[in-house]
Protein backbone atom coordinates (compact mmCIF):
# COMPACT_ATOMS: atom_id res chain seq x y z
CA MET A 1 140.46 45.08 13.13
CA LEU A 2 143.21 46.18 15.48
CA SER A 3 143.05 49.73 14.09
CA GLU A 4 139.30 49.73 14.57
CA ILE A 5 139.69 48.64 18.21
CA ALA A 6 142.35 51.28 18.84
CA ALA A 7 140.17 53.95 17.32
CA GLU A 8 137.25 52.86 19.45
CA GLN A 9 139.40 53.03 22.59
CA LEU A 10 140.41 56.58 21.73
CA MET A 11 136.81 57.80 21.41
CA PRO A 12 135.55 59.79 24.39
CA ARG A 13 133.25 57.86 26.68
CA PRO A 14 129.85 59.57 27.12
CA VAL A 15 128.93 60.63 30.59
CA GLU A 16 126.09 58.43 31.85
CA PHE A 17 122.79 60.22 31.70
CA SER A 18 119.27 59.64 32.93
CA PRO A 19 116.57 62.26 32.22
CA GLY A 20 114.57 61.58 35.40
CA SER A 21 111.49 63.77 35.81
CA PHE A 22 111.20 67.33 34.51
CA VAL A 23 108.95 70.06 33.17
CA HIS A 24 110.00 72.00 30.05
CA THR A 25 108.43 75.07 28.48
CA PHE A 26 108.68 75.56 24.76
CA TRP A 27 108.35 79.22 23.75
CA PRO A 28 106.58 79.95 20.46
CA GLY A 29 108.35 81.63 17.60
CA ARG A 30 109.57 81.30 14.03
CA VAL A 31 113.21 81.13 12.94
CA VAL A 32 114.30 81.87 9.36
CA PHE A 33 117.93 80.89 8.98
CA GLY A 34 120.40 81.13 6.11
CA ALA A 35 122.74 83.41 4.23
CA GLY A 36 120.77 86.03 2.31
CA THR A 37 117.60 85.71 4.37
CA LEU A 38 117.60 89.48 4.96
CA ALA A 39 115.71 89.63 1.63
CA GLN A 40 112.80 87.74 3.25
CA VAL A 41 112.13 90.20 6.09
CA GLY A 42 109.45 92.09 4.14
CA ASP A 43 107.58 88.85 3.39
CA GLU A 44 107.81 87.73 7.02
CA VAL A 45 106.38 91.03 8.19
CA ALA A 46 103.54 90.86 5.67
CA ALA A 47 102.65 87.36 6.91
CA LEU A 48 102.08 88.75 10.40
CA GLY A 49 99.34 91.01 9.12
CA VAL A 50 100.75 94.20 10.61
CA ARG A 51 100.32 97.58 8.95
CA ARG A 52 102.72 100.14 10.49
CA VAL A 53 106.30 99.09 11.14
CA LEU A 54 108.96 100.93 13.12
CA VAL A 55 112.52 100.01 12.23
CA VAL A 56 115.09 100.10 15.05
CA ASP A 57 118.75 99.62 14.09
CA THR A 58 122.28 100.01 15.40
CA ARG A 59 124.40 102.41 13.43
CA SER A 60 126.56 99.58 12.09
CA ALA A 61 123.42 97.92 10.61
CA ARG A 62 122.19 100.98 8.66
CA ALA A 63 122.67 99.37 5.27
CA ALA A 64 120.62 96.37 6.28
CA ALA A 65 117.97 98.72 7.74
CA ASP A 66 117.90 100.65 4.44
CA ALA A 67 117.21 97.42 2.60
CA VAL A 68 114.45 96.45 5.00
CA GLU A 69 112.87 99.88 4.74
CA GLN A 70 112.59 99.43 0.98
CA GLN A 71 111.06 95.95 1.44
CA LEU A 72 108.39 97.24 3.81
CA GLY A 73 106.99 99.69 1.28
CA ASP A 74 103.77 101.25 2.55
CA ARG A 75 104.11 99.37 5.87
CA PHE A 76 107.16 101.45 6.80
CA ALA A 77 106.15 103.96 9.48
CA GLY A 78 109.46 105.34 10.82
CA ARG A 79 112.92 104.54 12.03
CA ILE A 80 115.18 104.87 15.05
CA ASP A 81 118.89 104.83 14.21
CA GLY A 82 121.34 104.19 17.02
CA VAL A 83 120.84 102.49 20.37
CA THR A 84 122.63 102.28 23.74
CA GLN A 85 123.59 99.21 25.74
CA HIS A 86 121.69 98.26 28.85
CA VAL A 87 118.58 100.11 27.47
CA PRO A 88 118.54 103.35 29.54
CA THR A 89 115.02 104.28 30.64
CA GLU A 90 115.17 107.71 29.00
CA LEU A 91 115.96 106.07 25.62
CA ALA A 92 113.26 103.48 26.16
CA ASN A 93 110.67 106.18 26.93
CA ALA A 94 111.65 108.11 23.82
CA ALA A 95 111.24 104.99 21.69
CA ARG A 96 107.85 104.25 23.29
CA ALA A 97 106.70 107.78 22.49
CA THR A 98 107.89 107.46 18.89
CA ALA A 99 106.02 104.12 18.48
CA ARG A 100 102.86 105.68 19.89
CA ASP A 101 103.09 108.75 17.65
CA LEU A 102 103.55 106.54 14.62
CA ASN A 103 100.79 104.17 15.69
CA ALA A 104 103.24 101.31 15.13
CA ASP A 105 101.95 97.77 15.52
CA ALA A 106 105.31 96.12 14.76
CA ILE A 107 109.01 96.70 15.14
CA VAL A 108 111.82 95.27 12.98
CA ALA A 109 114.94 95.33 15.18
CA ILE A 110 118.22 95.04 13.30
CA GLY A 111 121.48 94.81 15.22
CA GLY A 112 122.79 93.37 18.45
CA GLY A 113 121.24 92.91 21.87
CA SER A 114 120.84 96.63 22.40
CA ALA A 115 118.62 97.11 19.33
CA ILE A 116 116.52 94.11 20.19
CA GLY A 117 116.42 95.20 23.84
CA LEU A 118 115.01 98.59 22.83
CA ALA A 119 112.34 96.90 20.73
CA LYS A 120 111.45 94.74 23.74
CA ALA A 121 111.10 97.84 25.93
CA VAL A 122 108.48 99.21 23.51
CA ALA A 123 106.61 95.86 23.21
CA LEU A 124 106.56 95.41 26.98
CA THR A 125 104.51 98.60 27.54
CA SER A 126 102.42 98.60 24.35
CA ALA A 127 98.69 98.69 24.92
CA GLY A 128 97.39 95.12 25.09
CA GLY A 129 100.71 93.77 23.85
CA GLY A 130 99.84 95.13 20.44
CA VAL A 131 103.41 95.67 19.16
CA VAL A 132 105.11 92.58 17.76
CA ILE A 133 108.80 92.20 17.05
CA VAL A 134 110.67 90.81 14.10
CA ALA A 135 114.37 90.47 15.07
CA VAL A 136 117.28 90.49 12.68
CA PRO A 137 120.38 89.90 14.84
CA THR A 138 123.82 90.98 13.57
CA THR A 139 125.75 89.77 16.63
CA TYR A 140 125.58 86.65 18.79
CA ALA A 141 123.80 88.03 21.85
CA GLY A 142 120.91 85.59 21.61
CA SER A 143 118.39 88.02 23.12
CA GLU A 144 116.19 87.53 20.10
CA MET A 145 115.22 84.02 21.29
CA THR A 146 114.22 85.00 24.84
CA PRO A 147 111.27 86.64 26.60
CA VAL A 148 113.75 88.42 28.86
CA TRP A 149 113.78 92.23 28.99
CA GLY A 150 116.12 94.65 30.73
CA GLU A 151 116.12 98.37 31.46
CA THR A 152 118.57 100.60 33.34
CA ALA A 153 117.72 103.63 35.50
CA GLY A 154 119.54 105.40 38.34
CA GLY A 155 122.53 103.05 38.18
CA SER A 156 120.44 99.92 38.56
CA LYS A 157 119.35 97.41 35.94
CA ALA A 158 115.92 95.82 36.21
CA THR A 159 115.11 92.65 34.32
CA GLY A 160 112.09 90.47 33.88
CA VAL A 161 110.33 87.84 31.77
CA ASP A 162 107.27 88.61 29.69
CA SER A 163 105.90 86.80 26.68
CA ARG A 164 105.03 90.15 25.04
CA VAL A 165 108.72 90.82 24.38
CA LEU A 166 109.47 87.52 22.69
CA PRO A 167 110.04 88.21 18.94
CA ARG A 168 107.46 86.52 16.71
CA VAL A 169 110.00 85.98 13.97
CA VAL A 170 113.80 85.85 13.98
CA VAL A 171 115.72 86.18 10.75
CA TYR A 172 119.28 84.95 10.91
CA ASP A 173 121.48 85.99 7.97
CA ALA A 174 125.14 85.09 8.50
CA ALA A 175 126.17 87.57 5.80
CA LEU A 176 125.14 90.42 8.14
CA SER A 177 127.79 89.44 10.72
CA ARG A 178 130.49 88.59 8.26
CA GLY A 179 132.25 91.95 8.69
CA LEU A 180 131.94 92.03 12.50
CA PRO A 181 135.40 92.76 13.90
CA VAL A 182 137.07 89.71 15.48
CA LYS A 183 137.32 91.39 18.89
CA VAL A 184 133.60 92.27 18.90
CA THR A 185 132.79 88.79 17.58
CA ALA A 186 134.70 87.07 20.41
CA ALA A 187 133.07 89.21 23.06
CA SER A 188 129.62 88.52 21.65
CA VAL A 189 130.39 84.80 21.62
CA ALA A 190 131.20 85.03 25.33
CA ASN A 191 127.71 86.42 25.85
CA ALA A 192 126.15 83.52 23.95
CA MET A 193 128.34 80.99 25.82
CA ALA A 194 127.01 82.36 29.10
CA HIS A 195 123.44 81.61 27.99
CA CYS A 196 124.40 78.02 27.28
CA VAL A 197 126.51 77.36 30.34
CA GLU A 198 124.18 78.86 32.92
CA ALA A 199 121.28 76.90 31.43
CA VAL A 200 122.55 73.71 33.08
CA TRP A 201 122.56 74.87 36.71
CA THR A 202 119.53 77.13 37.24
CA PRO A 203 116.51 75.70 39.16
CA GLN A 204 114.52 75.55 35.87
CA ALA A 205 117.27 73.65 33.98
CA ASP A 206 116.14 70.30 32.50
CA PRO A 207 117.53 67.62 30.14
CA ILE A 208 116.17 69.43 27.06
CA THR A 209 117.75 72.76 27.92
CA GLU A 210 121.01 70.92 28.64
CA ALA A 211 121.03 69.14 25.25
CA ILE A 212 120.38 72.48 23.55
CA ALA A 213 123.09 74.17 25.63
CA VAL A 214 125.76 71.53 24.89
CA GLU A 215 125.10 71.71 21.16
CA GLY A 216 125.18 75.48 21.38
CA VAL A 217 128.56 75.46 23.09
CA ARG A 218 129.93 73.05 20.50
CA ALA A 219 128.83 75.34 17.64
CA LEU A 220 130.07 78.49 19.29
CA ALA A 221 133.49 77.08 20.10
CA ALA A 222 134.00 75.68 16.61
CA GLY A 223 132.73 78.81 14.94
CA LEU A 224 134.90 81.09 17.00
CA ARG A 225 138.07 79.11 16.32
CA ALA A 226 137.31 79.18 12.61
CA VAL A 227 136.61 82.94 12.59
CA LEU A 228 139.94 83.59 14.34
CA VAL A 229 141.60 81.94 11.32
CA GLU A 230 139.36 83.45 8.62
CA PRO A 231 137.14 86.30 9.87
CA GLU A 232 134.85 86.33 6.82
CA ASP A 233 134.24 82.57 6.73
CA LEU A 234 130.51 82.47 6.07
CA ASP A 235 130.12 78.87 7.33
CA ALA A 236 131.85 79.83 10.60
CA ARG A 237 129.62 82.89 11.00
CA GLY A 238 126.62 80.59 10.45
CA LYS A 239 127.84 78.27 13.19
CA LEU A 240 128.05 81.27 15.55
CA LEU A 241 124.51 82.42 14.77
CA TYR A 242 123.28 78.85 15.21
CA GLY A 243 125.03 78.62 18.56
CA ALA A 244 123.59 81.96 19.65
CA CYS A 245 120.09 80.82 18.63
CA LEU A 246 120.51 77.67 20.76
CA GLY A 247 121.94 79.61 23.70
CA GLY A 248 119.07 81.99 23.70
CA SER A 249 116.61 79.12 23.46
CA ALA A 250 118.18 77.41 26.45
CA LEU A 251 118.16 80.62 28.50
CA ALA A 252 114.51 81.27 27.59
CA THR A 253 113.47 78.11 29.43
CA ALA A 254 116.17 77.70 32.08
CA GLY A 255 116.16 81.35 33.12
CA THR A 256 119.10 83.18 34.67
CA GLY A 257 121.13 82.46 37.78
CA LEU A 258 124.11 83.71 39.69
CA HIS A 259 126.21 84.57 36.66
CA HIS A 260 123.69 86.74 34.85
CA LYS A 261 122.66 88.45 38.06
CA LEU A 262 126.29 89.41 38.68
CA CYS A 263 126.68 90.70 35.10
CA HIS A 264 123.52 92.74 35.31
CA LEU A 265 124.71 94.23 38.63
CA LEU A 266 128.09 95.19 37.16
CA GLY A 267 126.69 96.46 33.90
CA GLY A 268 123.80 98.41 35.36
CA THR A 269 125.73 99.90 38.27
CA TYR A 270 129.17 100.55 36.70
CA ASN A 271 128.23 100.67 33.00
CA LEU A 272 130.62 97.87 32.07
CA PRO A 273 130.38 96.54 28.52
CA HIS A 274 127.82 93.70 28.63
CA ALA A 275 129.44 91.10 26.40
CA GLU A 276 133.01 91.56 27.76
CA THR A 277 131.74 91.31 31.33
CA HIS A 278 130.51 87.78 30.59
CA ALA A 279 133.98 86.76 29.46
CA ALA A 280 135.56 87.94 32.71
CA VAL A 281 132.91 86.60 35.10
CA LEU A 282 131.72 83.34 33.54
CA PRO A 283 134.89 81.25 34.05
CA GLN A 284 134.96 82.18 37.71
CA VAL A 285 131.28 81.43 38.28
CA ALA A 286 131.74 78.09 36.44
CA ARG A 287 134.56 77.25 38.84
CA ILE A 288 132.06 77.58 41.72
CA LYS A 289 129.00 76.09 40.03
CA ALA A 290 130.45 73.23 37.94
CA PRO A 291 131.00 70.92 40.93
CA THR A 292 127.27 71.23 41.77
CA VAL A 293 126.37 69.75 38.31
CA PRO A 294 129.41 67.54 37.51
CA GLN A 295 127.90 65.50 34.68
CA SER A 296 126.46 68.55 32.91
CA ALA A 297 129.76 70.46 33.38
CA ALA A 298 131.67 67.53 31.88
CA ARG A 299 129.51 67.57 28.80
CA LEU A 300 129.95 71.32 28.38
CA ALA A 301 133.77 71.06 28.87
CA ALA A 302 134.00 68.33 26.26
CA ALA A 303 131.95 70.42 23.78
CA LEU A 304 134.36 73.32 24.33
CA ARG A 305 137.51 71.36 23.50
CA GLU A 306 138.99 71.35 20.05
CA ASP A 307 139.74 67.67 20.65
CA PRO A 308 137.02 66.23 22.93
CA ARG A 309 139.28 63.20 23.69
CA ASN A 310 141.66 65.44 25.63
CA THR A 311 140.36 65.19 29.20
CA THR A 312 143.57 65.91 31.02
CA ASP A 313 142.22 69.25 32.32
CA ALA A 314 138.66 68.18 33.05
CA GLY A 315 138.71 67.85 36.82
CA ASP A 316 137.19 70.27 39.30
CA GLY A 317 137.02 73.67 37.64
CA GLY A 318 137.74 72.17 34.21
CA LEU A 319 134.78 73.92 32.64
CA GLY A 320 135.95 77.28 33.97
CA ARG A 321 139.44 76.68 32.60
CA GLU A 322 138.12 75.73 29.19
CA LEU A 323 136.09 78.91 29.02
CA PHE A 324 138.98 81.02 30.26
CA GLU A 325 141.41 79.65 27.71
CA LEU A 326 138.93 80.02 24.85
CA PHE A 327 138.18 83.67 25.67
CA ARG A 328 141.79 84.58 26.37
CA GLY A 329 142.93 82.89 23.17
CA ALA A 330 140.38 84.93 21.26
CA GLY A 331 141.71 88.14 22.66
CA VAL A 332 138.78 88.97 24.95
CA ALA A 333 139.49 90.67 28.26
CA VAL A 334 139.23 88.11 31.02
CA SER A 335 139.58 90.54 33.90
CA LEU A 336 137.22 93.18 35.21
CA ARG A 337 140.22 95.41 35.81
CA GLU A 338 140.82 95.54 32.03
CA LEU A 339 137.22 96.67 31.61
CA GLY A 340 137.75 99.65 33.91
CA LEU A 341 136.29 98.42 37.19
CA ALA A 342 138.11 99.82 40.21
CA ARG A 343 139.16 97.45 42.96
CA GLY A 344 137.12 99.37 45.50
CA GLN A 345 134.06 98.89 43.33
CA VAL A 346 134.40 95.14 43.73
CA ASP A 347 133.99 95.44 47.52
CA GLU A 348 131.17 97.91 47.02
CA ALA A 349 129.32 95.51 44.65
CA VAL A 350 129.57 92.58 47.04
CA VAL A 351 127.80 94.19 50.01
CA GLY A 352 124.50 92.36 50.53
CA PHE A 353 124.42 90.89 47.04
CA GLY A 354 125.43 87.41 47.98
CA GLU A 355 122.50 87.04 50.38
CA SER A 356 120.09 88.17 47.65
CA VAL A 357 121.10 85.30 45.38
CA GLY A 358 121.45 82.72 48.15
CA VAL A 359 125.21 82.10 48.02
CA GLY A 360 126.58 84.55 50.61
CA ASP A 361 128.76 87.57 50.25
CA GLU A 362 132.04 85.63 50.65
CA VAL A 363 131.31 83.46 47.64
CA VAL A 364 130.44 86.51 45.54
CA ARG A 365 133.60 88.28 46.78
CA GLU A 366 135.73 85.29 45.77
CA ILE A 367 134.18 85.22 42.27
CA LEU A 368 134.54 88.99 41.70
CA VAL A 369 138.07 89.29 43.13
CA ARG A 370 139.23 86.46 40.86
CA ALA A 371 137.37 88.03 37.93
CA TRP A 372 138.94 91.38 38.65
CA ASP A 373 142.42 89.88 38.71
CA GLY A 374 141.73 87.62 35.67
CA VAL A 375 142.99 84.51 37.43
CA ARG A 376 142.85 81.23 35.52
CA PRO A 377 140.36 78.87 37.24
């Protein structure tokens, strides 16, 4: 009895929670999850009733694309190998022209966020929304679960939300990400983490997105720690895909806020690597935003910890510290300076941006200067 009482006393106390009133949007879509599900892509495409399929893949996913091409049989219309991050307009226009020339009514996108982003660019401008997407993610970007699109032109990244770009089917096969290098894995996890974390403080956030986000963070943190020990652990890779799926789902409803707007600014203007930029910026934004949603931040911080009973570092800024330590421990760059951003570009990026997102330039300057230095929150 005494041991049971002691164990109970050691258990973390849940933060009190009341859902209150809210409105939540559920986006339609089908998820096929499990190791070996790549073999089901052809059947999923056939079930959609489409006839001419364009395959878009990253170069690292060519073997998987080859397999899908064989599955499609007569439905296969053509293929685009190789994509570029941030979806440059010239590349998007070329893909649109290819889709039109092939009379494609569907795209199978295989790869990370860049491949899926290019497919979205085509679907966004297809006549009458006639091109549907089947996504086969090989990283943890989570874009496959969102109706968010992005395109870069003239040093500026435009983003938007449109139901036409939401994939109709997402096929998650953990075996496809098994060989992803640990450094790339960790950076991609930072991207997925950002989807979860920001989903608790946007104006559209609600108790459902928060529950999804907390579970996503828990899966991502556990999966990343396991992959650092054994990079080809299939169960760990599955946890990461599961977390990415949840993060994308949370973002799809909660939308984006200060963090994502900063990352899009830095990526579109200075061509910084998208995933790594999240790792440098998110801990610093969390330091500022966590105090505005203390209960939500406490739940996220607990989900991040290897031992959720350890709350010694969970005060103001605790969420930012947990994120910073996880990313740094995984070998991801936690400073914008490491990513090649010049100090003068920080000052340049700040001008007028703070007012556009409602926090003021000084707050943005503080976030970016700390992110440039890689200071622990």
